[in-house]
Amino acid sequence: MKAAVFHGAKDIRVEQIAEPGDLGPGDVRLKPHYCGICGTDLHEYAMGPIVIPSKPHALNGSVLPQVLGHEFSAEILEVGSQVKDLAVGDRVSVMPLLFCGNCYYCRRGLNHLCQSMACVGLSFQWGGIAEQAVVPATHVNKLHDNMSMRAGALVEPTAVAAYGVDRAGVRPGDTVLITGAGPIGALASIYAEHLGAQVFVSEINPHRQKMIESLGIATLLDPSKTDVVEEIKAATGGIGVDQVIECSGNERALQTALSAVRKHGTISQTGLHTKPAAIDPMILSEHDISLIGTWCYPVTDWPRIIDLIGRVGLPVEKVVTKDIDIEDIVNDGFETLLSPTGDQVKVLIKS
């Protein structure tokens, strides 16, 4: 079968590999339909392997080379002998986090912090940028009938964004600044507005700015043309926003967050920093600010996110700027998304 396989930094190959073999009793065989390129995938391509294991993974023994893809929707082709609540033809979204169930964190329901966590498409035999994948049946959830397969591929990044907003404690009537309007920042703005917040988005890239403006749900601030902190203070009576969802993984944005949030406010660090960032911790103390990190999402959140998209109508597909074929994954996917002048925000690979 055809698959996109990561071999090392700047080395992704679209190649023929063996199809998955016989199913385990609790597994399902999938035909992926759409799969997103995630920021984690971009980090791996540019600087990896980072989380992709170069020696056998402690949980499942997976090792390079790795079939990519952890944000995907699929159709079920086959179910294992003990799978009772899923059937051939079901349309599903994959929750990709794999956990041991026995460690300190798993026993406390914090499976996303499992001490030996793995992930489909990053540290697992199969991934979603391929013609087939096999995953545990416990890790797939049916899509609503009115949900497209494209929307199904956006459940995973929406779960990341929603967790960042939820960890900050956003409530109806709050004021929220989102720093960075990549896919997670854009989805965080959609979710925060859905919760009833007044949303501001800081973004310098003109293509991302255009996408945020098209959503019509947030006040856009361009840090290259205006002082974001001054604009926030002016809009909030000199107080600052209740919460900042920092989605850029950028030191300057984190410093902006510290200055733009009100006293006793909360900053949720949702974007991943690839190097240390300098901040003044005294600001945290003087202003009684909570700075919270987030990692992935609760593994139980898939049904809720699917309901928000399929039943409530959260317009997540609006963040998608291009669908591409697997053959174009490097040039039109990874290279374009990594380029400072790239004109895409969220790219999906269609099977």
Protein backbone atom coordinates (compact mmCIF):
# COMPACT_ATOMS: atom_id res chain seq x y z
CA MET A 1 0.00 0.00 0.00
CA LYS A 2 1.03 3.64 -0.44
CA ALA A 3 2.09 5.57 2.68
CA ALA A 4 3.98 8.71 3.73
CA VAL A 5 6.93 7.46 5.76
CA PHE A 6 9.26 9.53 7.95
CA HIS A 7 12.89 8.40 7.82
CA GLY A 8 14.56 11.45 9.38
CA ALA A 9 14.81 15.23 9.26
CA LYS A 10 13.80 16.54 5.82
CA ASP A 11 13.27 12.94 4.71
CA ILE A 12 9.63 11.96 4.14
CA ARG A 13 9.07 9.43 1.39
CA VAL A 14 5.85 8.40 -0.30
CA GLU A 15 6.48 4.73 -0.83
CA GLN A 16 4.94 1.29 -1.08
CA ILE A 17 4.91 -0.67 2.18
CA ALA A 18 3.24 -3.89 3.27
CA GLU A 19 -0.41 -3.63 4.29
CA PRO A 20 -1.29 -4.33 7.93
CA GLY A 21 -1.68 -8.04 8.62
CA ASP A 22 -4.40 -9.89 10.53
CA LEU A 23 -6.37 -7.96 13.13
CA GLY A 24 -6.16 -8.52 16.84
CA PRO A 25 -9.52 -9.26 18.46
CA GLY A 26 -9.93 -5.66 19.70
CA ASP A 27 -8.65 -3.89 16.59
CA VAL A 28 -10.22 -2.24 13.56
CA ARG A 29 -8.83 -1.89 10.05
CA LEU A 30 -9.33 1.59 8.61
CA LYS A 31 -9.24 3.31 5.26
CA PRO A 32 -8.11 6.89 6.06
CA HIS A 33 -9.94 9.61 4.13
CA TYR A 34 -8.37 12.87 5.35
CA CYS A 35 -5.37 13.52 7.56
CA GLY A 36 -4.02 16.83 8.79
CA ILE A 37 -0.41 17.93 9.03
CA CYS A 38 0.17 18.91 12.67
CA GLY A 39 2.71 21.28 14.20
CA THR A 40 4.32 18.25 15.82
CA ASP A 41 4.74 16.70 12.37
CA LEU A 42 6.39 19.91 11.19
CA HIS A 43 8.83 19.86 14.12
CA GLU A 44 9.72 16.26 13.32
CA TYR A 45 10.30 17.07 9.65
CA ALA A 46 12.42 20.13 10.37
CA MET A 47 14.46 18.88 13.35
CA GLY A 48 13.54 15.29 14.12
CA PRO A 49 13.38 12.67 15.19
CA ILE A 50 12.12 14.25 18.40
CA VAL A 51 9.17 12.21 19.66
CA ILE A 52 9.36 9.67 16.85
CA PRO A 53 11.47 6.91 18.43
CA SER A 54 14.90 6.09 17.01
CA LYS A 55 15.06 3.09 19.33
CA PRO A 56 12.15 0.77 20.25
CA HIS A 57 9.40 2.61 22.13
CA ALA A 58 8.78 1.47 25.71
CA LEU A 59 5.04 0.98 25.20
CA ASN A 60 4.84 -0.82 21.88
CA GLY A 61 8.32 -1.26 20.45
CA SER A 62 7.74 1.04 17.46
CA VAL A 63 10.81 2.56 15.83
CA LEU A 64 11.85 4.46 12.71
CA PRO A 65 10.83 4.51 9.90
CA GLN A 66 7.36 5.83 10.87
CA VAL A 67 4.13 6.03 8.87
CA LEU A 68 2.93 9.57 9.59
CA GLY A 69 -0.50 10.95 10.44
CA HIS A 70 -2.37 11.31 13.73
CA GLU A 71 -5.17 13.76 12.82
CA PHE A 72 -7.40 11.61 10.67
CA SER A 73 -10.85 10.44 9.73
CA ALA A 74 -11.46 7.03 8.24
CA GLU A 75 -13.92 4.37 7.15
CA ILE A 76 -13.91 0.99 8.88
CA LEU A 77 -12.92 -1.85 6.56
CA GLU A 78 -12.83 -4.70 9.08
CA VAL A 79 -13.42 -5.25 12.79
CA GLY A 80 -11.77 -7.69 15.20
CA SER A 81 -13.63 -10.65 16.64
CA GLN A 82 -14.34 -8.94 19.98
CA VAL A 83 -15.46 -5.58 18.59
CA LYS A 84 -19.22 -5.27 19.12
CA ASP A 85 -20.17 -1.59 18.79
CA LEU A 86 -18.52 -0.79 15.44
CA ALA A 87 -19.20 -2.12 11.97
CA VAL A 88 -17.74 -2.17 8.48
CA GLY A 89 -18.61 1.10 6.75
CA ASP A 90 -18.76 3.23 9.90
CA ARG A 91 -17.18 6.67 9.49
CA VAL A 92 -14.92 7.49 12.41
CA SER A 93 -12.36 9.85 13.89
CA VAL A 94 -9.25 8.45 15.55
CA MET A 95 -8.14 9.45 19.06
CA PRO A 96 -4.42 8.74 18.57
CA LEU A 97 -2.98 8.73 22.11
CA LEU A 98 -1.90 5.28 23.37
CA PHE A 99 -1.37 4.72 27.08
CA CYS A 100 -0.44 1.92 29.46
CA GLY A 101 -3.41 2.17 31.86
CA ASN A 102 -1.27 1.24 34.85
CA CYS A 103 1.11 4.10 35.62
CA TYR A 104 0.63 6.83 38.25
CA TYR A 105 -1.13 9.16 35.79
CA CYS A 106 -3.28 6.59 33.99
CA ARG A 107 -4.66 5.34 37.32
CA ARG A 108 -5.75 8.91 38.06
CA GLY A 109 -7.50 9.40 34.71
CA LEU A 110 -4.69 11.53 33.28
CA ASN A 111 -4.00 9.13 30.43
CA HIS A 112 -2.64 11.90 28.19
CA LEU A 113 0.26 12.18 30.67
CA CYS A 114 1.00 8.44 30.66
CA GLN A 115 4.62 7.79 31.55
CA SER A 116 5.03 5.63 28.45
CA MET A 117 2.56 7.39 26.13
CA ALA A 118 2.73 6.66 22.42
CA CYS A 119 0.78 8.08 19.50
CA VAL A 120 -0.63 6.70 16.27
CA GLY A 121 1.35 8.24 13.42
CA LEU A 122 4.28 9.19 15.64
CA SER A 123 5.20 6.19 17.79
CA PHE A 124 3.04 3.34 16.51
CA GLN A 125 3.28 0.92 13.61
CA TRP A 126 0.59 2.67 11.58
CA GLY A 127 -0.51 6.22 10.78
CA GLY A 128 -3.24 8.06 8.92
CA ILE A 129 -1.31 9.14 5.82
CA ALA A 130 -1.61 5.73 4.23
CA GLU A 131 -4.14 3.61 2.38
CA GLN A 132 -4.80 1.48 5.48
CA ALA A 133 -4.21 1.66 9.22
CA VAL A 134 -4.96 -0.67 12.13
CA VAL A 135 -5.76 0.85 15.54
CA PRO A 136 -7.50 -0.29 18.74
CA ALA A 137 -11.29 -0.10 18.46
CA THR A 138 -11.32 1.80 21.76
CA HIS A 139 -9.57 4.67 19.98
CA VAL A 140 -12.17 5.40 17.31
CA ASN A 141 -15.44 7.28 17.61
CA LYS A 142 -18.27 7.42 15.10
CA LEU A 143 -18.91 10.69 13.32
CA HIS A 144 -22.34 12.31 13.23
CA ASP A 145 -24.19 11.60 10.00
CA ASN A 146 -24.04 15.27 9.02
CA MET A 147 -20.28 15.53 9.58
CA SER A 148 -17.95 15.44 6.60
CA MET A 149 -14.80 13.34 6.58
CA ARG A 150 -12.85 16.61 6.41
CA ALA A 151 -14.43 17.70 9.69
CA GLY A 152 -13.61 14.29 11.15
CA ALA A 153 -9.92 14.96 10.53
CA LEU A 154 -10.22 18.16 12.57
CA VAL A 155 -11.48 16.54 15.78
CA GLU A 156 -7.93 16.04 17.05
CA PRO A 157 -6.65 19.62 16.62
CA THR A 158 -9.98 20.95 17.89
CA ALA A 159 -9.51 18.84 21.03
CA VAL A 160 -6.04 20.42 21.50
CA ALA A 161 -7.45 23.92 21.11
CA ALA A 162 -10.46 23.29 23.34
CA TYR A 163 -8.26 21.90 26.10
CA GLY A 164 -6.12 25.03 26.04
CA VAL A 165 -9.21 27.22 26.37
CA ASP A 166 -10.80 25.01 29.03
CA ARG A 167 -7.64 24.93 31.14
CA ALA A 168 -7.68 28.73 31.19
CA GLY A 169 -11.20 28.63 32.65
CA VAL A 170 -12.89 30.69 29.93
CA ARG A 171 -16.52 31.50 30.74
CA PRO A 172 -19.31 33.44 29.01
CA GLY A 173 -18.58 37.16 29.08
CA ASP A 174 -14.82 36.79 29.50
CA THR A 175 -12.30 38.62 27.36
CA VAL A 176 -9.71 36.37 25.72
CA LEU A 177 -6.56 37.04 23.72
CA ILE A 178 -5.32 34.32 21.36
CA THR A 179 -1.67 34.79 20.39
CA GLY A 180 -0.95 33.11 17.08
CA ALA A 181 -3.53 32.19 14.43
CA GLY A 182 -2.16 28.94 13.17
CA PRO A 183 -4.60 26.01 13.13
CA ILE A 184 -4.69 25.67 16.93
CA GLY A 185 -5.04 29.40 17.50
CA ALA A 186 -7.80 29.65 14.90
CA LEU A 187 -9.67 26.70 16.41
CA ALA A 188 -9.17 28.15 19.91
CA SER A 189 -10.74 31.40 18.76
CA ILE A 190 -13.74 29.51 17.33
CA TYR A 191 -14.18 27.55 20.55
CA ALA A 192 -13.71 30.53 22.87
CA GLU A 193 -16.29 32.53 20.91
CA HIS A 194 -18.65 29.55 21.12
CA LEU A 195 -18.29 29.67 24.92
CA GLY A 196 -19.45 33.29 24.89
CA ALA A 197 -16.14 35.11 25.20
CA GLN A 198 -15.08 38.33 23.50
CA VAL A 199 -12.07 37.24 21.47
CA PHE A 200 -8.97 39.11 20.31
CA VAL A 201 -6.40 37.46 18.04
CA SER A 202 -2.81 38.62 17.59
CA GLU A 203 -1.23 37.45 14.33
CA ILE A 204 1.46 38.83 12.03
CA ASN A 205 1.11 36.54 8.99
CA PRO A 206 -1.20 38.14 6.38
CA HIS A 207 -2.62 34.81 5.22
CA ARG A 208 -3.56 33.83 8.75
CA GLN A 209 -4.95 37.31 9.34
CA LYS A 210 -7.18 36.90 6.30
CA MET A 211 -8.50 33.59 7.60
CA ILE A 212 -9.28 35.05 11.05
CA GLU A 213 -11.07 37.99 9.45
CA SER A 214 -13.14 35.59 7.35
CA LEU A 215 -14.39 33.87 10.51
CA GLY A 216 -15.96 37.12 11.72
CA ILE A 217 -15.69 36.18 15.40
CA ALA A 218 -12.67 38.08 16.72
CA THR A 219 -10.91 41.44 16.79
CA LEU A 220 -7.68 41.05 14.81
CA LEU A 221 -4.50 42.73 16.08
CA ASP A 222 -1.32 42.93 13.96
CA PRO A 223 1.76 43.17 16.22
CA SER A 224 3.83 44.54 13.31
CA LYS A 225 1.54 47.57 13.05
CA THR A 226 0.20 48.16 16.55
CA ASP A 227 1.07 47.69 20.20
CA VAL A 228 -1.05 44.67 21.08
CA VAL A 229 -0.88 45.33 24.82
CA GLU A 230 -1.98 48.96 24.41
CA GLU A 231 -4.85 47.88 22.16
CA ILE A 232 -5.96 45.27 24.70
CA LYS A 233 -5.79 47.74 27.58
CA ALA A 234 -7.76 50.31 25.59
CA ALA A 235 -10.46 47.75 24.81
CA THR A 236 -10.75 46.57 28.42
CA GLY A 237 -10.77 49.84 30.31
CA GLY A 238 -7.08 49.56 31.18
CA ILE A 239 -7.55 46.20 32.91
CA GLY A 240 -6.37 43.54 30.44
CA VAL A 241 -8.00 40.35 29.24
CA ASP A 242 -9.25 37.66 31.59
CA GLN A 243 -7.31 34.92 29.79
CA VAL A 244 -4.62 34.52 27.15
CA ILE A 245 -4.35 31.34 25.11
CA GLU A 246 -0.75 31.39 23.86
CA CYS A 247 -0.76 29.33 20.67
CA SER A 248 2.37 30.46 18.84
CA GLY A 249 5.15 28.90 20.94
CA ASN A 250 6.96 32.20 20.54
CA GLU A 251 8.88 34.02 23.30
CA ARG A 252 7.66 37.46 22.25
CA ALA A 253 4.06 36.26 22.27
CA LEU A 254 4.46 34.85 25.79
CA GLN A 255 5.85 38.16 26.96
CA THR A 256 2.89 39.91 25.32
CA ALA A 257 0.58 37.53 27.16
CA LEU A 258 2.13 38.45 30.51
CA SER A 259 1.56 42.13 29.83
CA ALA A 260 -1.91 41.82 28.29
CA VAL A 261 -3.58 39.62 30.92
CA ARG A 262 -5.27 41.27 33.90
CA LYS A 263 -4.24 40.83 37.48
CA HIS A 264 -5.36 37.41 38.76
CA GLY A 265 -5.82 36.36 35.14
CA THR A 266 -4.70 33.15 33.46
CA ILE A 267 -2.34 32.32 30.62
CA SER A 268 -2.67 28.90 28.98
CA GLN A 269 0.55 27.91 27.20
CA THR A 270 -0.86 25.76 24.41
CA GLY A 271 1.63 26.32 21.59
CA LEU A 272 4.80 24.24 21.85
CA HIS A 273 8.09 26.09 22.36
CA THR A 274 11.05 24.45 20.63
CA LYS A 275 13.58 26.40 22.71
CA PRO A 276 13.64 28.11 26.12
CA ALA A 277 11.79 31.40 26.49
CA ALA A 278 12.79 34.22 28.86
CA ILE A 279 10.12 35.77 31.07
CA ASP A 280 10.16 37.90 34.21
CA PRO A 281 8.68 35.67 36.95
CA MET A 282 8.18 38.73 39.15
CA ILE A 283 5.29 39.71 36.88
CA LEU A 284 3.56 36.46 37.83
CA SER A 285 3.94 37.27 41.51
CA GLU A 286 3.15 40.97 41.39
CA HIS A 287 0.02 40.47 39.32
CA ASP A 288 -1.09 37.13 40.80
CA ILE A 289 -1.11 35.56 37.34
CA SER A 290 -1.60 31.84 36.70
CA LEU A 291 0.62 30.46 33.93
CA ILE A 292 -0.62 27.00 32.95
CA GLY A 293 0.87 24.52 30.51
CA THR A 294 -1.27 22.16 28.44
CA TRP A 295 -0.37 18.86 26.81
CA CYS A 296 -2.67 17.27 24.23
CA TYR A 297 -6.20 16.72 25.63
CA PRO A 298 -8.23 14.38 27.83
CA VAL A 299 -8.48 11.09 25.96
CA THR A 300 -12.20 10.95 26.80
CA ASP A 301 -13.00 14.21 24.98
CA TRP A 302 -13.73 12.79 21.49
CA PRO A 303 -17.51 12.33 21.89
CA ARG A 304 -17.86 15.91 23.19
CA ILE A 305 -15.77 17.42 20.40
CA ILE A 306 -17.64 15.40 17.78
CA ASP A 307 -20.94 16.66 19.25
CA LEU A 308 -19.70 20.26 19.14
CA ILE A 309 -18.86 19.91 15.47
CA GLY A 310 -21.68 17.64 14.29
CA ARG A 311 -24.59 18.61 16.55
CA VAL A 312 -23.80 22.17 17.63
CA GLY A 313 -22.16 23.17 14.35
CA LEU A 314 -18.73 24.43 15.43
CA PRO A 315 -17.40 25.63 12.03
CA VAL A 316 -13.99 23.98 12.21
CA GLU A 317 -13.68 23.30 8.48
CA LYS A 318 -13.24 27.04 7.94
CA VAL A 319 -9.63 26.77 9.13
CA VAL A 320 -8.72 24.41 6.26
CA THR A 321 -7.01 26.31 3.46
CA LYS A 322 -5.99 23.45 1.15
CA ASP A 323 -6.52 19.76 0.43
CA ILE A 324 -3.60 17.98 -1.25
CA ASP A 325 -2.76 14.54 -2.60
CA ILE A 326 -0.28 12.33 -0.80
CA GLU A 327 2.24 12.73 -3.63
CA ASP A 328 2.41 16.47 -2.89
CA ILE A 329 2.94 16.09 0.86
CA VAL A 330 6.49 17.48 0.97
CA ASN A 331 6.35 20.50 -1.34
CA ASP A 332 2.71 21.57 -0.95
CA GLY A 333 2.43 20.38 2.65
CA PHE A 334 5.50 20.44 4.88
CA GLU A 335 7.65 22.91 2.97
CA THR A 336 4.79 25.36 2.43
CA LEU A 337 3.69 25.24 6.06
CA LEU A 338 7.25 25.76 7.31
CA SER A 339 7.95 28.68 4.98
CA PRO A 340 7.75 32.13 6.63
CA THR A 341 5.99 33.34 3.49
CA GLY A 342 3.77 30.26 3.11
CA ASP A 343 0.20 30.99 2.14
CA GLN A 344 -1.48 28.05 3.90
CA VAL A 345 -2.87 27.67 7.43
CA LYS A 346 -4.26 24.14 7.66
CA VAL A 347 -3.49 21.51 5.04
CA LEU A 348 -5.31 18.19 4.81
CA ILE A 349 -4.06 15.19 2.85
CA LYS A 350 -6.87 13.35 1.08
CA SER A 351 -6.76 9.65 0.37
